[in-house]
Amino acid sequence: MKNYLFIIATLFSTVVYSQDRNIIEKTFNEIKRNSKVDKNDFTCYNLMQKMYDEVLQSENSELKESTITAIKKYENSRKSKNTYLFATLMFYQNVITKSANEKVVKPELQRDLINYLENELIEIYGKIPAIIYVYKVETLSLFDDKTEMKKYIDEGLKNYPNSIPLKYYSYKYLNEQTYKEELLKINKKHWLINIEE
């Protein structure tokens, strides 16, 4: 996996400044060709879900030591499967971090990455982990696309009905009042709710 991350890091400037909208697909499909792909191996999916549960869904917003260890083991093992999916997620998070640190948002890049990742997860697992719904909604907010955003929030809440971030985004971006009382009473200690206070 370290080789994949090196390739991705090297291509970062190319991807960011390229006018070729297919560069994401070309880059990650190349990594996919060099990856072990297995539709029956849910290690990658489960790690993504743990990241969501521990960072986005919980009040603490912190990965457990056991999850960090599991991620490192997954990234470093030559036996790991579907690593290109995890590499795509890590690259997406890197783009978000760079955008925040440099105060330069790359909405098209974020959109292309999250769309690629979503499509690949559906192809491999037939479903999407909660973290992808949250990231997709955050990306759609950059385009102010409320129709698509509502679609993903509703679909995400259908699959993950207890998702605090999706309920929060329903209220924040769509001004829907459905979850407002629940968020302010039951989930008031959640880090996302505390940011707004």
N, C-alpha and C. Protein backbone atom coordinates (compact mmCIF):
# COMPACT_ATOMS: atom_id res chain seq x y z
N MET A 1 0.82 -1.19 0.00
CA MET A 1 0.00 0.00 0.00
C MET A 1 0.87 1.26 0.00
N LYS A 2 2.02 1.20 0.64
CA LYS A 2 2.91 2.36 0.65
C LYS A 2 3.29 2.77 -0.77
N ASN A 3 3.47 1.78 -1.65
CA ASN A 3 3.78 2.09 -3.04
C ASN A 3 2.65 2.87 -3.69
N TYR A 4 1.41 2.46 -3.38
CA TYR A 4 0.25 3.15 -3.95
C TYR A 4 0.20 4.59 -3.46
N LEU A 5 0.46 4.79 -2.17
CA LEU A 5 0.41 6.13 -1.62
C LEU A 5 1.50 7.01 -2.21
N PHE A 6 2.67 6.42 -2.48
CA PHE A 6 3.74 7.17 -3.13
C PHE A 6 3.31 7.60 -4.54
N ILE A 7 2.72 6.68 -5.28
CA ILE A 7 2.24 6.98 -6.64
C ILE A 7 1.20 8.09 -6.58
N ILE A 8 0.27 7.97 -5.64
CA ILE A 8 -0.79 8.97 -5.50
C ILE A 8 -0.20 10.33 -5.14
N ALA A 9 0.73 10.33 -4.18
CA ALA A 9 1.36 11.60 -3.77
C ALA A 9 2.08 12.25 -4.94
N THR A 10 2.75 11.44 -5.74
CA THR A 10 3.48 11.95 -6.90
C THR A 10 2.51 12.55 -7.92
N LEU A 11 1.36 11.93 -8.04
CA LEU A 11 0.39 12.39 -9.02
C LEU A 11 -0.48 13.54 -8.51
N PHE A 12 -0.34 13.88 -7.22
CA PHE A 12 -1.22 14.88 -6.63
C PHE A 12 -1.23 16.18 -7.43
N SER A 13 -0.06 16.72 -7.72
CA SER A 13 -0.03 17.99 -8.44
C SER A 13 -0.59 17.85 -9.85
N THR A 14 -0.34 16.70 -10.48
CA THR A 14 -0.89 16.46 -11.81
C THR A 14 -2.41 16.46 -11.77
N VAL A 15 -2.95 15.75 -10.77
CA VAL A 15 -4.41 15.64 -10.64
C VAL A 15 -5.02 17.00 -10.35
N VAL A 16 -4.41 17.75 -9.45
CA VAL A 16 -4.96 19.03 -9.03
C VAL A 16 -5.01 20.02 -10.18
N TYR A 17 -3.97 20.04 -11.01
CA TYR A 17 -3.90 21.06 -12.05
C TYR A 17 -4.30 20.57 -13.44
N SER A 18 -4.62 19.30 -13.54
CA SER A 18 -4.97 18.75 -14.85
C SER A 18 -6.37 19.19 -15.27
N GLN A 19 -6.53 19.37 -16.55
CA GLN A 19 -7.84 19.68 -17.11
C GLN A 19 -8.59 18.40 -17.49
N ASP A 20 -7.91 17.27 -17.41
CA ASP A 20 -8.49 15.98 -17.78
C ASP A 20 -9.34 15.46 -16.63
N ARG A 21 -10.66 15.46 -16.83
CA ARG A 21 -11.58 15.02 -15.77
C ARG A 21 -11.48 13.53 -15.50
N ASN A 22 -10.89 12.78 -16.42
CA ASN A 22 -10.78 11.34 -16.23
C ASN A 22 -9.49 10.94 -15.52
N ILE A 23 -8.68 11.91 -15.10
CA ILE A 23 -7.39 11.58 -14.49
C ILE A 23 -7.57 10.77 -13.21
N ILE A 24 -8.60 11.05 -12.43
CA ILE A 24 -8.87 10.28 -11.21
C ILE A 24 -9.13 8.83 -11.56
N GLU A 25 -10.05 8.62 -12.48
CA GLU A 25 -10.39 7.26 -12.88
C GLU A 25 -9.18 6.53 -13.46
N LYS A 26 -8.43 7.20 -14.32
CA LYS A 26 -7.24 6.58 -14.91
C LYS A 26 -6.22 6.21 -13.84
N THR A 27 -5.97 7.14 -12.93
CA THR A 27 -4.96 6.93 -11.88
C THR A 27 -5.35 5.77 -10.97
N PHE A 28 -6.57 5.82 -10.46
CA PHE A 28 -6.97 4.79 -9.49
C PHE A 28 -7.29 3.46 -10.15
N ASN A 29 -7.68 3.47 -11.41
CA ASN A 29 -7.86 2.19 -12.11
C ASN A 29 -6.51 1.51 -12.33
N GLU A 30 -5.47 2.30 -12.53
CA GLU A 30 -4.12 1.74 -12.65
C GLU A 30 -3.70 1.10 -11.32
N ILE A 31 -3.98 1.79 -10.23
CA ILE A 31 -3.68 1.23 -8.91
C ILE A 31 -4.53 -0.02 -8.67
N LYS A 32 -5.78 0.02 -9.12
CA LYS A 32 -6.67 -1.14 -8.97
C LYS A 32 -6.11 -2.35 -9.70
N ARG A 33 -5.57 -2.13 -10.90
CA ARG A 33 -5.01 -3.24 -11.69
C ARG A 33 -3.84 -3.92 -10.95
N ASN A 34 -3.15 -3.16 -10.12
CA ASN A 34 -2.02 -3.69 -9.37
C ASN A 34 -2.41 -4.10 -7.95
N SER A 35 -3.70 -4.14 -7.70
CA SER A 35 -4.22 -4.46 -6.37
C SER A 35 -4.89 -5.83 -6.40
N LYS A 36 -4.98 -6.47 -5.26
CA LYS A 36 -5.76 -7.71 -5.15
C LYS A 36 -7.19 -7.32 -4.88
N VAL A 37 -8.07 -7.61 -5.82
CA VAL A 37 -9.48 -7.26 -5.68
C VAL A 37 -10.26 -8.51 -5.33
N ASP A 38 -11.04 -8.42 -4.26
CA ASP A 38 -11.81 -9.57 -3.79
C ASP A 38 -13.13 -9.09 -3.22
N LYS A 39 -14.22 -9.43 -3.88
CA LYS A 39 -15.55 -8.99 -3.45
C LYS A 39 -15.99 -9.64 -2.15
N ASN A 40 -15.31 -10.69 -1.74
CA ASN A 40 -15.68 -11.38 -0.50
C ASN A 40 -14.86 -10.94 0.70
N ASP A 41 -13.88 -10.09 0.48
CA ASP A 41 -13.04 -9.61 1.58
C ASP A 41 -13.53 -8.23 2.03
N PHE A 42 -14.10 -8.17 3.22
CA PHE A 42 -14.72 -6.94 3.72
C PHE A 42 -13.81 -6.15 4.67
N THR A 43 -12.54 -6.48 4.70
CA THR A 43 -11.62 -5.79 5.62
C THR A 43 -11.62 -4.29 5.36
N CYS A 44 -11.49 -3.88 4.12
CA CYS A 44 -11.47 -2.46 3.76
C CYS A 44 -12.79 -1.79 4.17
N TYR A 45 -13.89 -2.40 3.81
CA TYR A 45 -15.23 -1.87 4.14
C TYR A 45 -15.36 -1.69 5.66
N ASN A 46 -14.98 -2.72 6.39
CA ASN A 46 -15.11 -2.68 7.85
C ASN A 46 -14.22 -1.61 8.48
N LEU A 47 -13.03 -1.40 7.94
CA LEU A 47 -12.16 -0.34 8.45
C LEU A 47 -12.77 1.04 8.18
N MET A 48 -13.35 1.21 7.00
CA MET A 48 -14.01 2.49 6.70
C MET A 48 -15.16 2.73 7.67
N GLN A 49 -15.91 1.68 7.96
CA GLN A 49 -17.03 1.80 8.87
C GLN A 49 -16.55 2.12 10.29
N LYS A 50 -15.44 1.49 10.70
CA LYS A 50 -14.88 1.79 12.03
C LYS A 50 -14.43 3.25 12.11
N MET A 51 -13.82 3.74 11.05
CA MET A 51 -13.39 5.13 11.02
C MET A 51 -14.60 6.06 11.21
N TYR A 52 -15.68 5.72 10.53
CA TYR A 52 -16.91 6.51 10.67
C TYR A 52 -17.42 6.44 12.12
N ASP A 53 -17.55 5.22 12.64
CA ASP A 53 -18.10 5.04 13.98
C ASP A 53 -17.29 5.78 15.04
N GLU A 54 -15.99 5.72 14.93
CA GLU A 54 -15.12 6.28 15.97
C GLU A 54 -14.83 7.76 15.81
N VAL A 55 -14.82 8.26 14.58
CA VAL A 55 -14.46 9.67 14.36
C VAL A 55 -15.69 10.54 14.07
N LEU A 56 -16.56 10.08 13.20
CA LEU A 56 -17.69 10.93 12.80
C LEU A 56 -18.95 10.72 13.64
N GLN A 57 -19.18 9.51 14.10
CA GLN A 57 -20.42 9.21 14.82
C GLN A 57 -20.28 9.41 16.33
N SER A 58 -19.12 9.19 16.88
CA SER A 58 -18.97 9.24 18.35
C SER A 58 -18.73 10.66 18.85
N GLU A 59 -18.95 10.83 20.13
CA GLU A 59 -18.72 12.14 20.76
C GLU A 59 -17.23 12.46 20.85
N ASN A 60 -16.40 11.43 20.95
CA ASN A 60 -14.95 11.64 21.13
C ASN A 60 -14.24 12.07 19.86
N SER A 61 -14.70 11.62 18.71
CA SER A 61 -14.09 11.94 17.42
C SER A 61 -12.61 11.56 17.39
N GLU A 62 -12.33 10.33 17.79
CA GLU A 62 -10.94 9.88 17.85
C GLU A 62 -10.87 8.38 17.56
N LEU A 63 -9.91 8.01 16.72
CA LEU A 63 -9.72 6.59 16.43
C LEU A 63 -9.15 5.87 17.65
N LYS A 64 -9.67 4.67 17.89
CA LYS A 64 -9.13 3.84 18.97
C LYS A 64 -7.77 3.31 18.54
N GLU A 65 -6.95 3.02 19.53
CA GLU A 65 -5.61 2.49 19.26
C GLU A 65 -5.70 1.18 18.47
N SER A 66 -6.69 0.35 18.79
CA SER A 66 -6.86 -0.93 18.10
C SER A 66 -7.21 -0.72 16.62
N THR A 67 -7.95 0.33 16.32
CA THR A 67 -8.30 0.63 14.93
C THR A 67 -7.07 1.15 14.18
N ILE A 68 -6.30 2.00 14.81
CA ILE A 68 -5.06 2.50 14.20
C ILE A 68 -4.13 1.34 13.88
N THR A 69 -4.01 0.41 14.81
CA THR A 69 -3.18 -0.78 14.61
C THR A 69 -3.70 -1.61 13.44
N ALA A 70 -5.03 -1.80 13.39
CA ALA A 70 -5.64 -2.58 12.30
C ALA A 70 -5.41 -1.91 10.95
N ILE A 71 -5.50 -0.59 10.91
CA ILE A 71 -5.27 0.16 9.66
C ILE A 71 -3.83 -0.01 9.20
N LYS A 72 -2.90 0.15 10.13
CA LYS A 72 -1.47 0.00 9.78
C LYS A 72 -1.18 -1.40 9.27
N LYS A 73 -1.74 -2.39 9.94
CA LYS A 73 -1.55 -3.79 9.52
C LYS A 73 -2.10 -4.00 8.12
N TYR A 74 -3.29 -3.47 7.88
CA TYR A 74 -3.93 -3.59 6.56
C TYR A 74 -3.09 -2.89 5.48
N GLU A 75 -2.62 -1.69 5.77
CA GLU A 75 -1.84 -0.93 4.80
C GLU A 75 -0.50 -1.58 4.49
N ASN A 76 0.09 -2.24 5.47
CA ASN A 76 1.45 -2.78 5.30
C ASN A 76 1.52 -4.24 4.86
N SER A 77 0.40 -4.94 4.88
CA SER A 77 0.42 -6.35 4.52
C SER A 77 0.28 -6.54 3.01
N ARG A 78 1.14 -7.37 2.47
CA ARG A 78 1.05 -7.68 1.03
C ARG A 78 -0.17 -8.56 0.72
N LYS A 79 -0.75 -9.15 1.75
CA LYS A 79 -1.92 -10.02 1.58
C LYS A 79 -3.23 -9.24 1.57
N SER A 80 -3.18 -7.98 1.93
CA SER A 80 -4.40 -7.17 2.00
C SER A 80 -5.05 -7.05 0.63
N LYS A 81 -6.37 -7.05 0.64
CA LYS A 81 -7.14 -6.96 -0.60
C LYS A 81 -7.95 -5.66 -0.64
N ASN A 82 -8.25 -5.23 -1.84
CA ASN A 82 -9.04 -4.01 -2.07
C ASN A 82 -8.36 -2.75 -1.51
N THR A 83 -7.04 -2.78 -1.49
CA THR A 83 -6.29 -1.65 -0.92
C THR A 83 -6.45 -0.37 -1.75
N TYR A 84 -6.76 -0.51 -3.02
CA TYR A 84 -6.93 0.69 -3.84
C TYR A 84 -8.10 1.53 -3.34
N LEU A 85 -9.11 0.88 -2.76
CA LEU A 85 -10.25 1.62 -2.21
C LEU A 85 -9.80 2.45 -1.00
N PHE A 86 -9.01 1.83 -0.16
CA PHE A 86 -8.53 2.53 1.03
C PHE A 86 -7.57 3.65 0.63
N ALA A 87 -6.75 3.40 -0.37
CA ALA A 87 -5.82 4.43 -0.87
C ALA A 87 -6.60 5.63 -1.42
N THR A 88 -7.72 5.36 -2.09
CA THR A 88 -8.56 6.44 -2.62
C THR A 88 -9.14 7.26 -1.47
N LEU A 89 -9.62 6.57 -0.43
CA LEU A 89 -10.18 7.27 0.73
C LEU A 89 -9.10 8.14 1.40
N MET A 90 -7.90 7.59 1.56
CA MET A 90 -6.81 8.34 2.19
C MET A 90 -6.42 9.56 1.34
N PHE A 91 -6.45 9.39 0.02
CA PHE A 91 -6.14 10.51 -0.87
C PHE A 91 -7.22 11.58 -0.75
N TYR A 92 -8.47 11.15 -0.69
CA TYR A 92 -9.58 12.09 -0.52
C TYR A 92 -9.38 12.89 0.77
N GLN A 93 -9.05 12.20 1.85
CA GLN A 93 -8.84 12.90 3.12
C GLN A 93 -7.64 13.84 3.04
N ASN A 94 -6.63 13.45 2.30
CA ASN A 94 -5.47 14.31 2.10
C ASN A 94 -5.86 15.59 1.35
N VAL A 95 -6.71 15.44 0.35
CA VAL A 95 -7.18 16.61 -0.41
C VAL A 95 -7.95 17.55 0.50
N ILE A 96 -8.82 16.99 1.35
CA ILE A 96 -9.60 17.82 2.27
C ILE A 96 -8.66 18.56 3.24
N THR A 97 -7.69 17.85 3.78
CA THR A 97 -6.74 18.45 4.72
C THR A 97 -5.94 19.56 4.05
N LYS A 98 -5.43 19.28 2.85
CA LYS A 98 -4.67 20.31 2.12
C LYS A 98 -5.55 21.52 1.81
N SER A 99 -6.80 21.26 1.42
CA SER A 99 -7.73 22.35 1.12
C SER A 99 -7.95 23.22 2.35
N ALA A 100 -8.14 22.57 3.51
CA ALA A 100 -8.38 23.31 4.75
C ALA A 100 -7.13 24.09 5.17
N ASN A 101 -5.98 23.45 5.10
CA ASN A 101 -4.73 24.09 5.53
C ASN A 101 -4.32 25.24 4.62
N GLU A 102 -4.53 25.04 3.33
CA GLU A 102 -4.11 26.06 2.36
C GLU A 102 -5.25 27.00 1.99
N LYS A 103 -6.42 26.73 2.56
CA LYS A 103 -7.62 27.52 2.29
C LYS A 103 -7.91 27.63 0.78
N VAL A 104 -7.61 26.54 0.08
CA VAL A 104 -7.89 26.46 -1.35
C VAL A 104 -8.72 25.20 -1.57
N VAL A 105 -9.99 25.39 -1.81
CA VAL A 105 -10.90 24.26 -1.98
C VAL A 105 -10.84 23.78 -3.42
N LYS A 106 -10.79 22.48 -3.60
CA LYS A 106 -10.77 21.86 -4.92
C LYS A 106 -12.05 21.04 -5.08
N PRO A 107 -13.21 21.69 -5.26
CA PRO A 107 -14.47 20.95 -5.26
C PRO A 107 -14.58 19.91 -6.37
N GLU A 108 -14.07 20.21 -7.55
CA GLU A 108 -14.16 19.24 -8.66
C GLU A 108 -13.34 17.99 -8.35
N LEU A 109 -12.16 18.20 -7.77
CA LEU A 109 -11.31 17.08 -7.40
C LEU A 109 -11.98 16.24 -6.32
N GLN A 110 -12.54 16.89 -5.30
CA GLN A 110 -13.24 16.17 -4.25
C GLN A 110 -14.41 15.38 -4.84
N ARG A 111 -15.17 16.02 -5.72
CA ARG A 111 -16.33 15.36 -6.33
C ARG A 111 -15.91 14.15 -7.14
N ASP A 112 -14.88 14.31 -7.96
CA ASP A 112 -14.44 13.20 -8.81
C ASP A 112 -13.91 12.04 -7.96
N LEU A 113 -13.20 12.35 -6.89
CA LEU A 113 -12.68 11.30 -6.01
C LEU A 113 -13.81 10.55 -5.30
N ILE A 114 -14.75 11.30 -4.73
CA ILE A 114 -15.82 10.64 -3.96
C ILE A 114 -16.74 9.87 -4.89
N ASN A 115 -16.97 10.37 -6.10
CA ASN A 115 -17.79 9.63 -7.06
C ASN A 115 -17.10 8.33 -7.48
N TYR A 116 -15.80 8.41 -7.74
CA TYR A 116 -15.06 7.21 -8.10
C TYR A 116 -15.13 6.19 -6.96
N LEU A 117 -14.87 6.64 -5.75
CA LEU A 117 -14.87 5.75 -4.60
C LEU A 117 -16.25 5.13 -4.38
N GLU A 118 -17.27 5.94 -4.49
CA GLU A 118 -18.65 5.44 -4.33
C GLU A 118 -18.94 4.34 -5.37
N ASN A 119 -18.63 4.60 -6.62
CA ASN A 119 -18.90 3.62 -7.68
C ASN A 119 -18.12 2.32 -7.46
N GLU A 120 -16.88 2.44 -7.06
CA GLU A 120 -16.06 1.24 -6.82
C GLU A 120 -16.55 0.44 -5.63
N LEU A 121 -16.96 1.13 -4.57
CA LEU A 121 -17.50 0.42 -3.40
C LEU A 121 -18.77 -0.34 -3.75
N ILE A 122 -19.62 0.27 -4.56
CA ILE A 122 -20.83 -0.42 -5.00
C ILE A 122 -20.48 -1.62 -5.86
N GLU A 123 -19.49 -1.45 -6.74
CA GLU A 123 -19.07 -2.56 -7.60
C GLU A 123 -18.50 -3.72 -6.78
N ILE A 124 -17.68 -3.41 -5.79
CA ILE A 124 -17.02 -4.46 -5.00
C ILE A 124 -17.95 -5.03 -3.93
N TYR A 125 -18.61 -4.16 -3.16
CA TYR A 125 -19.38 -4.63 -2.00
C TYR A 125 -20.89 -4.58 -2.18
N GLY A 126 -21.35 -3.85 -3.17
CA GLY A 126 -22.79 -3.73 -3.37
C GLY A 126 -23.45 -2.77 -2.38
N LYS A 127 -22.64 -2.07 -1.61
CA LYS A 127 -23.17 -1.10 -0.65
C LYS A 127 -22.07 -0.10 -0.30
N ILE A 128 -22.48 0.97 0.40
CA ILE A 128 -21.57 2.07 0.70
C ILE A 128 -21.46 2.23 2.22
N PRO A 129 -20.24 2.34 2.75
CA PRO A 129 -20.12 2.61 4.19
C PRO A 129 -20.61 4.03 4.51
N ALA A 130 -21.02 4.24 5.74
CA ALA A 130 -21.60 5.52 6.16
C ALA A 130 -20.67 6.70 5.90
N ILE A 131 -19.37 6.50 6.05
CA ILE A 131 -18.40 7.58 5.88
C ILE A 131 -18.49 8.20 4.47
N ILE A 132 -18.81 7.37 3.49
CA ILE A 132 -18.89 7.87 2.11
C ILE A 132 -20.12 8.76 1.92
N TYR A 133 -21.24 8.37 2.55
CA TYR A 133 -22.42 9.25 2.49
C TYR A 133 -22.10 10.61 3.07
N VAL A 134 -21.42 10.63 4.21
CA VAL A 134 -21.08 11.90 4.87
C VAL A 134 -20.16 12.73 3.97
N TYR A 135 -19.11 12.10 3.44
CA TYR A 135 -18.19 12.83 2.57
C TYR A 135 -18.86 13.30 1.28
N LYS A 136 -19.77 12.51 0.77
CA LYS A 136 -20.48 12.90 -0.46
C LYS A 136 -21.34 14.14 -0.20
N VAL A 137 -22.04 14.15 0.93
CA VAL A 137 -22.87 15.30 1.28
C VAL A 137 -21.99 16.54 1.48
N GLU A 138 -20.87 16.38 2.16
CA GLU A 138 -19.95 17.51 2.36
C GLU A 138 -19.44 18.04 1.02
N THR A 139 -19.17 17.14 0.10
CA THR A 139 -18.70 17.56 -1.23
C THR A 139 -19.81 18.27 -2.00
N LEU A 140 -21.03 17.72 -1.95
CA LEU A 140 -22.15 18.35 -2.64
C LEU A 140 -22.44 19.74 -2.08
N SER A 141 -22.14 19.95 -0.81
CA SER A 141 -22.37 21.27 -0.21
C SER A 141 -21.49 22.34 -0.87
N LEU A 142 -20.35 21.92 -1.43
CA LEU A 142 -19.46 22.86 -2.11
C LEU A 142 -20.06 23.36 -3.42
N PHE A 143 -21.00 22.58 -3.95
CA PHE A 143 -21.66 22.94 -5.21
C PHE A 143 -23.05 23.52 -4.98
N ASP A 144 -23.45 23.56 -3.71
CA ASP A 144 -24.79 24.04 -3.35
C ASP A 144 -25.87 23.30 -4.13
N ASP A 145 -25.70 21.98 -4.25
CA ASP A 145 -26.64 21.14 -4.98
C ASP A 145 -27.59 20.47 -3.99
N LYS A 146 -28.65 21.19 -3.63
CA LYS A 146 -29.56 20.71 -2.58
C LYS A 146 -30.37 19.49 -3.02
N THR A 147 -30.66 19.36 -4.29
CA THR A 147 -31.43 18.21 -4.77
C THR A 147 -30.62 16.93 -4.60
N GLU A 148 -29.39 16.93 -5.08
CA GLU A 148 -28.52 15.76 -4.93
C GLU A 148 -28.21 15.52 -3.46
N MET A 149 -28.00 16.60 -2.73
CA MET A 149 -27.69 16.48 -1.31
C MET A 149 -28.83 15.79 -0.56
N LYS A 150 -30.05 16.22 -0.81
CA LYS A 150 -31.21 15.60 -0.15
C LYS A 150 -31.29 14.12 -0.51
N LYS A 151 -31.03 13.80 -1.76
CA LYS A 151 -31.06 12.41 -2.20
C LYS A 151 -30.08 11.57 -1.37
N TYR A 152 -28.85 12.07 -1.20
CA TYR A 152 -27.82 11.31 -0.48
C TYR A 152 -28.07 11.28 1.02
N ILE A 153 -28.58 12.37 1.57
CA ILE A 153 -28.91 12.37 2.99
C ILE A 153 -30.02 11.36 3.25
N ASP A 154 -31.08 11.39 2.43
CA ASP A 154 -32.20 10.46 2.61
C ASP A 154 -31.76 9.01 2.43
N GLU A 155 -30.97 8.76 1.40
CA GLU A 155 -30.47 7.40 1.15
C GLU A 155 -29.55 6.94 2.29
N GLY A 156 -28.69 7.84 2.73
CA GLY A 156 -27.79 7.52 3.82
C GLY A 156 -28.54 7.21 5.11
N LEU A 157 -29.56 8.02 5.41
CA LEU A 157 -30.34 7.79 6.63
C LEU A 157 -31.21 6.54 6.52
N LYS A 158 -31.57 6.17 5.32
CA LYS A 158 -32.30 4.91 5.14
C LYS A 158 -31.39 3.73 5.50
N ASN A 159 -30.13 3.81 5.10
CA ASN A 159 -29.17 2.74 5.37
C ASN A 159 -28.53 2.85 6.76
N TYR A 160 -28.40 4.08 7.26
CA TYR A 160 -27.79 4.32 8.57
C TYR A 160 -28.67 5.29 9.35
N PRO A 161 -29.82 4.80 9.84
CA PRO A 161 -30.83 5.69 10.44
C PRO A 161 -30.36 6.43 11.70
N ASN A 162 -29.29 5.99 12.32
CA ASN A 162 -28.79 6.66 13.52
C ASN A 162 -27.64 7.62 13.25
N SER A 163 -27.37 7.90 11.99
CA SER A 163 -26.22 8.74 11.63
C SER A 163 -26.41 10.19 12.09
N ILE A 164 -25.62 10.56 13.09
CA ILE A 164 -25.69 11.94 13.59
C ILE A 164 -25.22 12.94 12.54
N PRO A 165 -24.09 12.70 11.83
CA PRO A 165 -23.67 13.67 10.82
C PRO A 165 -24.72 13.89 9.72
N LEU A 166 -25.37 12.82 9.27
CA LEU A 166 -26.37 12.98 8.21
C LEU A 166 -27.61 13.72 8.72
N LYS A 167 -28.01 13.46 9.96
CA LYS A 167 -29.14 14.20 10.55
C LYS A 167 -28.76 15.67 10.69
N TYR A 168 -27.54 15.90 11.13
CA TYR A 168 -27.06 17.28 11.29
C TYR A 168 -27.04 18.00 9.94
N TYR A 169 -26.53 17.35 8.91
CA TYR A 169 -26.47 17.98 7.59
C TYR A 169 -27.86 18.20 7.00
N SER A 170 -28.81 17.34 7.34
CA SER A 170 -30.19 17.53 6.91
C SER A 170 -30.71 18.86 7.46
N TYR A 171 -30.38 19.13 8.70
CA TYR A 171 -30.79 20.39 9.35
C TYR A 171 -29.96 21.57 8.83
N LYS A 172 -28.64 21.40 8.81
CA LYS A 172 -27.75 22.51 8.45
C LYS A 172 -27.90 22.95 6.99
N TYR A 173 -27.83 22.00 6.07
CA TYR A 173 -27.82 22.35 4.65
C TYR A 173 -29.21 22.48 4.03
N LEU A 174 -30.16 21.68 4.53
CA LEU A 174 -31.49 21.68 3.93
C LEU A 174 -32.53 22.38 4.79
N ASN A 175 -32.10 22.81 5.98
CA ASN A 175 -32.99 23.48 6.92
C ASN A 175 -34.21 22.64 7.30
N GLU A 176 -34.04 21.32 7.26
CA GLU A 176 -35.12 20.43 7.67
C GLU A 176 -35.12 20.35 9.20
N GLN A 177 -36.30 20.44 9.78
CA GLN A 177 -36.43 20.49 11.24
C GLN A 177 -36.62 19.11 11.87
N THR A 178 -36.71 18.07 11.06
CA THR A 178 -37.01 16.72 11.52
C THR A 178 -36.15 16.27 12.69
N TYR A 179 -34.85 16.54 12.62
CA TYR A 179 -33.92 16.01 13.62
C TYR A 179 -33.40 17.07 14.59
N LYS A 180 -33.86 18.31 14.45
CA LYS A 180 -33.30 19.40 15.25
C LYS A 180 -33.41 19.12 16.75
N GLU A 181 -34.59 18.77 17.21
CA GLU A 181 -34.79 18.55 18.65
C GLU A 181 -33.95 17.37 19.14
N GLU A 182 -33.93 16.30 18.36
CA GLU A 182 -33.13 15.13 18.73
C GLU A 182 -31.65 15.50 18.84
N LEU A 183 -31.15 16.25 17.87
CA LEU A 183 -29.74 16.63 17.87
C LEU A 183 -29.39 17.50 19.08
N LEU A 184 -30.26 18.45 19.38
CA LEU A 184 -29.97 19.39 20.46
C LEU A 184 -30.17 18.79 21.85
N LYS A 185 -31.01 17.75 21.96
CA LYS A 185 -31.25 17.14 23.27
C LYS A 185 -30.43 15.87 23.46
N ILE A 186 -30.60 14.92 22.58
CA ILE A 186 -29.97 13.61 22.74
C ILE A 186 -28.50 13.64 22.34
N ASN A 187 -28.18 14.33 21.26
CA ASN A 187 -26.81 14.32 20.71
C ASN A 187 -26.04 15.61 20.98
N LYS A 188 -26.46 16.38 21.97
CA LYS A 188 -25.86 17.70 22.18
C LYS A 188 -24.37 17.67 22.53
N LYS A 189 -23.86 16.51 22.98
CA LYS A 189 -22.43 16.40 23.31
C LYS A 189 -21.58 15.97 22.11
N HIS A 190 -22.24 15.65 21.01
CA HIS A 190 -21.50 15.25 19.81
C HIS A 190 -20.67 16.43 19.32
N TRP A 191 -19.44 16.18 18.90
CA TRP A 191 -18.51 17.24 18.50
C TRP A 191 -19.06 18.12 17.38
N LEU A 192 -19.83 17.54 16.46
CA LEU A 192 -20.37 18.30 15.34
C LEU A 192 -21.40 19.32 15.82
N ILE A 193 -22.21 18.92 16.77
CA ILE A 193 -23.23 19.82 17.32
C ILE A 193 -22.55 20.91 18.14
N ASN A 194 -21.51 20.57 18.86
CA ASN A 194 -20.80 21.55 19.70
C ASN A 194 -20.11 22.62 18.89
N ILE A 195 -19.73 22.31 17.67
CA ILE A 195 -19.07 23.30 16.80
C ILE A 195 -20.01 24.48 16.54
N GLU A 196 -21.28 24.16 16.39
CA GLU A 196 -22.28 25.19 16.04
C GLU A 196 -22.67 26.08 17.22
N GLU A 197 -22.45 25.62 18.43
CA GLU A 197 -22.90 26.40 19.60
C GLU A 197 -22.02 27.60 19.84
